Amino acid sequence: MSVAEKKAERNKVKFEGVVIGGHSSGTDLTTFANNPANRIDQVFIGSRGMGFPKELFFGTTSNFVLHKAKAPVTVVK
């Protein structure tokens, strides 16, 4: 997260990182991202893609967030 923050700062891009984790991290993340009070413009999420066959390219959490978040989602593989 600190690397992304430094790159954003260097390019004069507003950045505020939030790390959310837990057993229901996909639900927690989409609830947070979909709350208008949090003013989320973009969601970036990593993907390990461990499942098969549906999650061949995206993991289950990233797939869930991709389909449920109202803000644009970027999945990083």
PDB file of N, CA and C in Angstrom:
ATOM      1  N   MET A   1       0.829  -1.175   0.000  1.00  0.00           N
ATOM      2  CA  MET A   1       0.000   0.000   0.000  1.00  0.00           C
ATOM      3  C   MET A   1       0.881   1.249   0.000  1.00  0.00           C
ATOM      4  N   SER A   2       1.988   1.212   0.703  1.00  0.00           N
ATOM      5  CA  SER A   2       2.856   2.387   0.764  1.00  0.00           C
ATOM      6  C   SER A   2       3.478   2.710  -0.599  1.00  0.00           C
ATOM      7  N   VAL A   3       3.759   1.690  -1.398  1.00  0.00           N
ATOM      8  CA  VAL A   3       4.302   1.917  -2.749  1.00  0.00           C
ATOM      9  C   VAL A   3       3.277   2.650  -3.608  1.00  0.00           C
ATOM     10  N   ALA A   4       2.025   2.211  -3.558  1.00  0.00           N
ATOM     11  CA  ALA A   4       0.958   2.857  -4.325  1.00  0.00           C
ATOM     12  C   ALA A   4       0.751   4.291  -3.859  1.00  0.00           C
ATOM     13  N   GLU A   5       0.816   4.496  -2.551  1.00  0.00           N
ATOM     14  CA  GLU A   5       0.636   5.841  -2.003  1.00  0.00           C
ATOM     15  C   GLU A   5       1.741   6.784  -2.485  1.00  0.00           C
ATOM     16  N   LYS A   6       2.982   6.316  -2.493  1.00  0.00           N
ATOM     17  CA  LYS A   6       4.105   7.136  -2.957  1.00  0.00           C
ATOM     18  C   LYS A   6       3.979   7.467  -4.442  1.00  0.00           C
ATOM     19  N   LYS A   7       3.568   6.482  -5.250  1.00  0.00           N
ATOM     20  CA  LYS A   7       3.395   6.723  -6.689  1.00  0.00           C
ATOM     21  C   LYS A   7       2.276   7.727  -6.940  1.00  0.00           C
ATOM     22  N   ALA A   8       1.193   7.609  -6.207  1.00  0.00           N
ATOM     23  CA  ALA A   8       0.079   8.545  -6.360  1.00  0.00           C
ATOM     24  C   ALA A   8       0.514   9.956  -5.973  1.00  0.00           C
ATOM     25  N   GLU A   9       1.230  10.065  -4.869  1.00  0.00           N
ATOM     26  CA  GLU A   9       1.715  11.366  -4.404  1.00  0.00           C
ATOM     27  C   GLU A   9       2.664  11.994  -5.423  1.00  0.00           C
ATOM     28  N   ARG A  10       3.549  11.192  -5.968  1.00  0.00           N
ATOM     29  CA  ARG A  10       4.524  11.674  -6.957  1.00  0.00           C
ATOM     30  C   ARG A  10       3.815  12.202  -8.215  1.00  0.00           C
ATOM     31  N   ASN A  11       2.673  11.597  -8.564  1.00  0.00           N
ATOM     32  CA  ASN A  11       1.918  12.010  -9.748  1.00  0.00           C
ATOM     33  C   ASN A  11       0.756  12.949  -9.419  1.00  0.00           C
ATOM     34  N   LYS A  12       0.739  13.443  -8.182  1.00  0.00           N
ATOM     35  CA  LYS A  12      -0.290  14.390  -7.724  1.00  0.00           C
ATOM     36  C   LYS A  12      -1.709  13.837  -7.876  1.00  0.00           C
ATOM     37  N   VAL A  13      -1.865  12.559  -7.500  1.00  0.00           N
ATOM     38  CA  VAL A  13      -3.167  11.897  -7.524  1.00  0.00           C
ATOM     39  C   VAL A  13      -3.607  11.700  -6.078  1.00  0.00           C
ATOM     40  N   LYS A  14      -4.838  12.115  -5.769  1.00  0.00           N
ATOM     41  CA  LYS A  14      -5.359  11.935  -4.423  1.00  0.00           C
ATOM     42  C   LYS A  14      -5.505  10.439  -4.132  1.00  0.00           C
ATOM     43  N   PHE A  15      -4.992  10.008  -3.002  1.00  0.00           N
ATOM     44  CA  PHE A  15      -4.992   8.583  -2.671  1.00  0.00           C
ATOM     45  C   PHE A  15      -5.295   8.398  -1.199  1.00  0.00           C
ATOM     46  N   GLU A  16      -6.219   7.500  -0.913  1.00  0.00           N
ATOM     47  CA  GLU A  16      -6.481   7.103   0.461  1.00  0.00           C
ATOM     48  C   GLU A  16      -6.696   5.601   0.450  1.00  0.00           C
ATOM     49  N   GLY A  17      -5.785   4.858   0.996  1.00  0.00           N
ATOM     50  CA  GLY A  17      -5.873   3.406   0.995  1.00  0.00           C
ATOM     51  C   GLY A  17      -6.668   2.885   2.172  1.00  0.00           C
ATOM     52  N   VAL A  18      -7.466   1.874   1.932  1.00  0.00           N
ATOM     53  CA  VAL A  18      -8.239   1.214   2.978  1.00  0.00           C
ATOM     54  C   VAL A  18      -8.059  -0.280   2.785  1.00  0.00           C
ATOM     55  N   VAL A  19      -7.674  -0.971   3.839  1.00  0.00           N
ATOM     56  CA  VAL A  19      -7.516  -2.418   3.781  1.00  0.00           C
ATOM     57  C   VAL A  19      -8.650  -3.040   4.582  1.00  0.00           C
ATOM     58  N   ILE A  20      -9.389  -3.930   3.936  1.00  0.00           N
ATOM     59  CA  ILE A  20     -10.507  -4.616   4.588  1.00  0.00           C
ATOM     60  C   ILE A  20     -10.286  -6.111   4.420  1.00  0.00           C
ATOM     61  N   GLY A  21     -10.409  -6.855   5.489  1.00  0.00           N
ATOM     62  CA  GLY A  21     -10.220  -8.296   5.410  1.00  0.00           C
ATOM     63  C   GLY A  21     -11.096  -9.005   6.424  1.00  0.00           C
ATOM     64  N   GLY A  22     -11.228 -10.288   6.278  1.00  0.00           N
ATOM     65  CA  GLY A  22     -12.038 -11.075   7.183  1.00  0.00           C
ATOM     66  C   GLY A  22     -12.671 -12.233   6.458  1.00  0.00           C
ATOM     67  N   HIS A  23     -13.562 -12.936   7.132  1.00  0.00           N
ATOM     68  CA  HIS A  23     -14.210 -14.093   6.520  1.00  0.00           C
ATOM     69  C   HIS A  23     -15.168 -13.695   5.416  1.00  0.00           C
ATOM     70  N   SER A  24     -15.751 -12.511   5.531  1.00  0.00           N
ATOM     71  CA  SER A  24     -16.698 -12.052   4.504  1.00  0.00           C
ATOM     72  C   SER A  24     -16.151 -10.782   3.854  1.00  0.00           C
ATOM     73  N   SER A  25     -14.889 -10.826   3.463  1.00  0.00           N
ATOM     74  CA  SER A  25     -14.222  -9.625   2.961  1.00  0.00           C
ATOM     75  C   SER A  25     -14.898  -9.058   1.717  1.00  0.00           C
ATOM     76  N   GLY A  26     -15.431  -9.890   0.838  1.00  0.00           N
ATOM     77  CA  GLY A  26     -16.125  -9.397  -0.354  1.00  0.00           C
ATOM     78  C   GLY A  26     -17.363  -8.610   0.017  1.00  0.00           C
ATOM     79  N   THR A  27     -18.133  -9.135   0.957  1.00  0.00           N
ATOM     80  CA  THR A  27     -19.332  -8.444   1.426  1.00  0.00           C
ATOM     81  C   THR A  27     -18.953  -7.167   2.151  1.00  0.00           C
ATOM     82  N   ASP A  28     -17.938  -7.235   3.017  1.00  0.00           N
ATOM     83  CA  ASP A  28     -17.491  -6.052   3.756  1.00  0.00           C
ATOM     84  C   ASP A  28     -17.008  -4.967   2.804  1.00  0.00           C
ATOM     85  N   LEU A  29     -16.250  -5.355   1.806  1.00  0.00           N
ATOM     86  CA  LEU A  29     -15.713  -4.385   0.854  1.00  0.00           C
ATOM     87  C   LEU A  29     -16.814  -3.737   0.028  1.00  0.00           C
ATOM     88  N   THR A  30     -17.746  -4.513  -0.468  1.00  0.00           N
ATOM     89  CA  THR A  30     -18.820  -3.925  -1.280  1.00  0.00           C
ATOM     90  C   THR A  30     -19.736  -3.047  -0.431  1.00  0.00           C
ATOM     91  N   THR A  31     -19.982  -3.435   0.804  1.00  0.00           N
ATOM     92  CA  THR A  31     -20.787  -2.598   1.701  1.00  0.00           C
ATOM     93  C   THR A  31     -20.095  -1.263   1.927  1.00  0.00           C
ATOM     94  N   PHE A  32     -18.789  -1.301   2.171  1.00  0.00           N
ATOM     95  CA  PHE A  32     -18.006  -0.078   2.367  1.00  0.00           C
ATOM     96  C   PHE A  32     -17.992   0.760   1.095  1.00  0.00           C
ATOM     97  N   ALA A  33     -17.734   0.133  -0.049  1.00  0.00           N
ATOM     98  CA  ALA A  33     -17.625   0.846  -1.319  1.00  0.00           C
ATOM     99  C   ALA A  33     -18.963   1.424  -1.777  1.00  0.00           C
ATOM    100  N   ASN A  34     -20.058   0.757  -1.460  1.00  0.00           N
ATOM    101  CA  ASN A  34     -21.377   1.204  -1.904  1.00  0.00           C
ATOM    102  C   ASN A  34     -22.013   2.238  -0.980  1.00  0.00           C
ATOM    103  N   ASN A  35     -21.381   2.518   0.160  1.00  0.00           N
ATOM    104  CA  ASN A  35     -21.883   3.524   1.091  1.00  0.00           C
ATOM    105  C   ASN A  35     -21.519   4.914   0.569  1.00  0.00           C
ATOM    106  N   PRO A  36     -22.504   5.737   0.211  1.00  0.00           N
ATOM    107  CA  PRO A  36     -22.213   7.061  -0.358  1.00  0.00           C
ATOM    108  C   PRO A  36     -21.367   7.956   0.556  1.00  0.00           C
ATOM    109  N   ALA A  37     -21.457   7.746   1.854  1.00  0.00           N
ATOM    110  CA  ALA A  37     -20.685   8.561   2.798  1.00  0.00           C
ATOM    111  C   ALA A  37     -19.177   8.355   2.628  1.00  0.00           C
ATOM    112  N   ASN A  38     -18.766   7.201   2.095  1.00  0.00           N
ATOM    113  CA  ASN A  38     -17.341   6.915   1.929  1.00  0.00           C
ATOM    114  C   ASN A  38     -16.756   7.505   0.647  1.00  0.00           C
ATOM    115  N   ARG A  39     -17.619   7.939  -0.265  1.00  0.00           N
ATOM    116  CA  ARG A  39     -17.213   8.613  -1.504  1.00  0.00           C
ATOM    117  C   ARG A  39     -16.111   7.843  -2.255  1.00  0.00           C
ATOM    118  N   ILE A  40     -16.371   6.577  -2.546  1.00  0.00           N
ATOM    119  CA  ILE A  40     -15.420   5.718  -3.247  1.00  0.00           C
ATOM    120  C   ILE A  40     -15.545   5.947  -4.753  1.00  0.00           C
ATOM    121  N   ASP A  41     -14.436   6.313  -5.402  1.00  0.00           N
ATOM    122  CA  ASP A  41     -14.422   6.553  -6.839  1.00  0.00           C
ATOM    123  C   ASP A  41     -14.022   5.317  -7.634  1.00  0.00           C
ATOM    124  N   GLN A  42     -13.155   4.480  -7.053  1.00  0.00           N
ATOM    125  CA  GLN A  42     -12.600   3.325  -7.769  1.00  0.00           C
ATOM    126  C   GLN A  42     -12.194   2.283  -6.743  1.00  0.00           C
ATOM    127  N   VAL A  43     -12.407   1.018  -7.072  1.00  0.00           N
ATOM    128  CA  VAL A  43     -11.976  -0.088  -6.221  1.00  0.00           C
ATOM    129  C   VAL A  43     -10.889  -0.852  -6.965  1.00  0.00           C
ATOM    130  N   PHE A  44      -9.752  -1.051  -6.307  1.00  0.00           N
ATOM    131  CA  PHE A  44      -8.677  -1.886  -6.836  1.00  0.00           C
ATOM    132  C   PHE A  44      -8.582  -3.100  -5.931  1.00  0.00           C
ATOM    133  N   ILE A  45      -8.586  -4.287  -6.530  1.00  0.00           N
ATOM    134  CA  ILE A  45      -8.533  -5.517  -5.745  1.00  0.00           C
ATOM    135  C   ILE A  45      -7.625  -6.515  -6.439  1.00  0.00           C
ATOM    136  N   GLY A  46      -6.871  -7.246  -5.655  1.00  0.00           N
ATOM    137  CA  GLY A  46      -5.998  -8.285  -6.189  1.00  0.00           C
ATOM    138  C   GLY A  46      -6.765  -9.584  -6.356  1.00  0.00           C
ATOM    139  N   SER A  47      -6.222 -10.466  -7.193  1.00  0.00           N
ATOM    140  CA  SER A  47      -6.856 -11.750  -7.427  1.00  0.00           C
ATOM    141  C   SER A  47      -5.806 -12.845  -7.501  1.00  0.00           C
ATOM    142  N   ARG A  48      -6.044 -13.907  -6.767  1.00  0.00           N
ATOM    143  CA  ARG A  48      -5.130 -15.047  -6.851  1.00  0.00           C
ATOM    144  C   ARG A  48      -5.645 -16.092  -7.828  1.00  0.00           C
ATOM    145  N   GLY A  49      -6.942 -16.092  -8.091  1.00  0.00           N
ATOM    146  CA  GLY A  49      -7.512 -17.018  -9.069  1.00  0.00           C
ATOM    147  C   GLY A  49      -7.301 -18.480  -8.737  1.00  0.00           C
ATOM    148  N   MET A  50      -7.497 -18.858  -7.470  1.00  0.00           N
ATOM    149  CA  MET A  50      -7.208 -20.221  -7.041  1.00  0.00           C
ATOM    150  C   MET A  50      -8.328 -21.221  -7.357  1.00  0.00           C
ATOM    151  N   GLY A  51      -9.549 -20.751  -7.510  1.00  0.00           N
ATOM    152  CA  GLY A  51     -10.678 -21.659  -7.728  1.00  0.00           C
ATOM    153  C   GLY A  51     -10.792 -22.102  -9.174  1.00  0.00           C
ATOM    154  N   PHE A  52     -11.611 -23.135  -9.394  1.00  0.00           N
ATOM    155  CA  PHE A  52     -11.826 -23.637 -10.749  1.00  0.00           C
ATOM    156  C   PHE A  52     -13.224 -24.209 -10.819  1.00  0.00           C
ATOM    157  N   PRO A  53     -13.970 -24.165 -11.888  1.00  0.00           N
ATOM    158  CA  PRO A  53     -13.660 -23.522 -13.154  1.00  0.00           C
ATOM    159  C   PRO A  53     -14.121 -22.067 -13.227  1.00  0.00           C
ATOM    160  N   LYS A  54     -15.181 -21.714 -12.417  1.00  0.00           N
ATOM    161  CA  LYS A  54     -15.743 -20.369 -12.526  1.00  0.00           C
ATOM    162  C   LYS A  54     -14.717 -19.284 -12.231  1.00  0.00           C
ATOM    163  N   GLU A  55     -13.866 -19.509 -11.257  1.00  0.00           N
ATOM    164  CA  GLU A  55     -12.881 -18.508 -10.871  1.00  0.00           C
ATOM    165  C   GLU A  55     -11.520 -18.795 -11.496  1.00  0.00           C
ATOM    166  N   LEU A  56     -11.529 -19.279 -12.727  1.00  0.00           N
ATOM    167  CA  LEU A  56     -10.285 -19.606 -13.421  1.00  0.00           C
ATOM    168  C   LEU A  56      -9.381 -18.387 -13.525  1.00  0.00           C
ATOM    169  N   PHE A  57      -9.952 -17.225 -13.792  1.00  0.00           N
ATOM    170  CA  PHE A  57      -9.156 -16.018 -13.963  1.00  0.00           C
ATOM    171  C   PHE A  57      -9.247 -15.080 -12.760  1.00  0.00           C
ATOM    172  N   PHE A  58     -10.378 -15.062 -12.065  1.00  0.00           N
ATOM    173  CA  PHE A  58     -10.547 -14.209 -10.899  1.00  0.00           C
ATOM    174  C   PHE A  58     -10.854 -15.075  -9.695  1.00  0.00           C
ATOM    175  N   GLY A  59     -10.421 -14.639  -8.524  1.00  0.00           N
ATOM    176  CA  GLY A  59     -10.760 -15.343  -7.296  1.00  0.00           C
ATOM    177  C   GLY A  59     -12.215 -15.097  -6.932  1.00  0.00           C
ATOM    178  N   THR A  60     -12.726 -15.828  -5.964  1.00  0.00           N
ATOM    179  CA  THR A  60     -14.130 -15.700  -5.599  1.00  0.00           C
ATOM    180  C   THR A  60     -14.437 -14.323  -5.029  1.00  0.00           C
ATOM    181  N   THR A  61     -13.550 -13.765  -4.201  1.00  0.00           N
ATOM    182  CA  THR A  61     -13.788 -12.451  -3.616  1.00  0.00           C
ATOM    183  C   THR A  61     -13.759 -11.370  -4.684  1.00  0.00           C
ATOM    184  N   SER A  62     -12.733 -11.381  -5.530  1.00  0.00           N
ATOM    185  CA  SER A  62     -12.650 -10.355  -6.570  1.00  0.00           C
ATOM    186  C   SER A  62     -13.812 -10.465  -7.549  1.00  0.00           C
ATOM    187  N   ASN A  63     -14.249 -11.671  -7.851  1.00  0.00           N
ATOM    188  CA  ASN A  63     -15.389 -11.886  -8.727  1.00  0.00           C
ATOM    189  C   ASN A  63     -16.659 -11.306  -8.095  1.00  0.00           C
ATOM    190  N   PHE A  64     -16.837 -11.539  -6.804  1.00  0.00           N
ATOM    191  CA  PHE A  64     -17.991 -11.012  -6.076  1.00  0.00           C
ATOM    192  C   PHE A  64     -17.990  -9.486  -6.110  1.00  0.00           C
ATOM    193  N   VAL A  65     -16.852  -8.878  -5.779  1.00  0.00           N
ATOM    194  CA  VAL A  65     -16.737  -7.412  -5.753  1.00  0.00           C
ATOM    195  C   VAL A  65     -16.961  -6.834  -7.143  1.00  0.00           C
ATOM    196  N   LEU A  66     -16.400  -7.468  -8.146  1.00  0.00           N
ATOM    197  CA  LEU A  66     -16.548  -7.018  -9.526  1.00  0.00           C
ATOM    198  C   LEU A  66     -18.014  -6.888  -9.923  1.00  0.00           C
ATOM    199  N   HIS A  67     -18.847  -7.805  -9.452  1.00  0.00           N
ATOM    200  CA  HIS A  67     -20.252  -7.808  -9.839  1.00  0.00           C
ATOM    201  C   HIS A  67     -21.167  -7.040  -8.885  1.00  0.00           C
ATOM    202  N   LYS A  68     -20.735  -6.790  -7.655  1.00  0.00           N
ATOM    203  CA  LYS A  68     -21.623  -6.174  -6.666  1.00  0.00           C
ATOM    204  C   LYS A  68     -21.302  -4.709  -6.355  1.00  0.00           C
ATOM    205  N   ALA A  69     -20.069  -4.265  -6.583  1.00  0.00           N
ATOM    206  CA  ALA A  69     -19.707  -2.871  -6.253  1.00  0.00           C
ATOM    207  C   ALA A  69     -20.296  -1.931  -7.286  1.00  0.00           C
ATOM    208  N   LYS A  70     -20.769  -0.772  -6.816  1.00  0.00           N
ATOM    209  CA  LYS A  70     -21.325   0.234  -7.710  1.00  0.00           C
ATOM    210  C   LYS A  70     -20.235   1.049  -8.387  1.00  0.00           C
ATOM    211  N   ALA A  71     -19.104   1.222  -7.713  1.00  0.00           N
ATOM    212  CA  ALA A  71     -17.973   1.975  -8.294  1.00  0.00           C
ATOM    213  C   ALA A  71     -17.239   1.072  -9.283  1.00  0.00           C
ATOM    214  N   PRO A  72     -16.504   1.662 -10.210  1.00  0.00           N
ATOM    215  CA  PRO A  72     -15.695   0.852 -11.135  1.00  0.00           C
ATOM    216  C   PRO A  72     -14.677   0.010 -10.337  1.00  0.00           C
ATOM    217  N   VAL A  73     -14.450  -1.207 -10.801  1.00  0.00           N
ATOM    218  CA  VAL A  73     -13.538  -2.126 -10.116  1.00  0.00           C
ATOM    219  C   VAL A  73     -12.412  -2.518 -11.074  1.00  0.00           C
ATOM    220  N   THR A  74     -11.181  -2.438 -10.585  1.00  0.00           N
ATOM    221  CA  THR A  74     -10.020  -2.901 -11.325  1.00  0.00           C
ATOM    222  C   THR A  74      -9.453  -4.105 -10.585  1.00  0.00           C
ATOM    223  N   VAL A  75      -9.381  -5.251 -11.272  1.00  0.00           N
ATOM    224  CA  VAL A  75      -8.828  -6.464 -10.684  1.00  0.00           C
ATOM    225  C   VAL A  75      -7.394  -6.621 -11.170  1.00  0.00           C
ATOM    226  N   VAL A  76      -6.468  -6.744 -10.216  1.00  0.00           N
ATOM    227  CA  VAL A  76      -5.054  -6.884 -10.535  1.00  0.00           C
ATOM    228  C   VAL A  76      -4.656  -8.327 -10.322  1.00  0.00           C
ATOM    229  N   LYS A  77      -4.146  -8.944 -11.347  1.00  0.00           N
ATOM    230  CA  LYS A  77      -3.770 -10.361 -11.284  1.00  0.00           C
ATOM    231  C   LYS A  77      -2.292 -10.477 -11.028  1.00  0.00           C
TER     232      LYS A  77
END
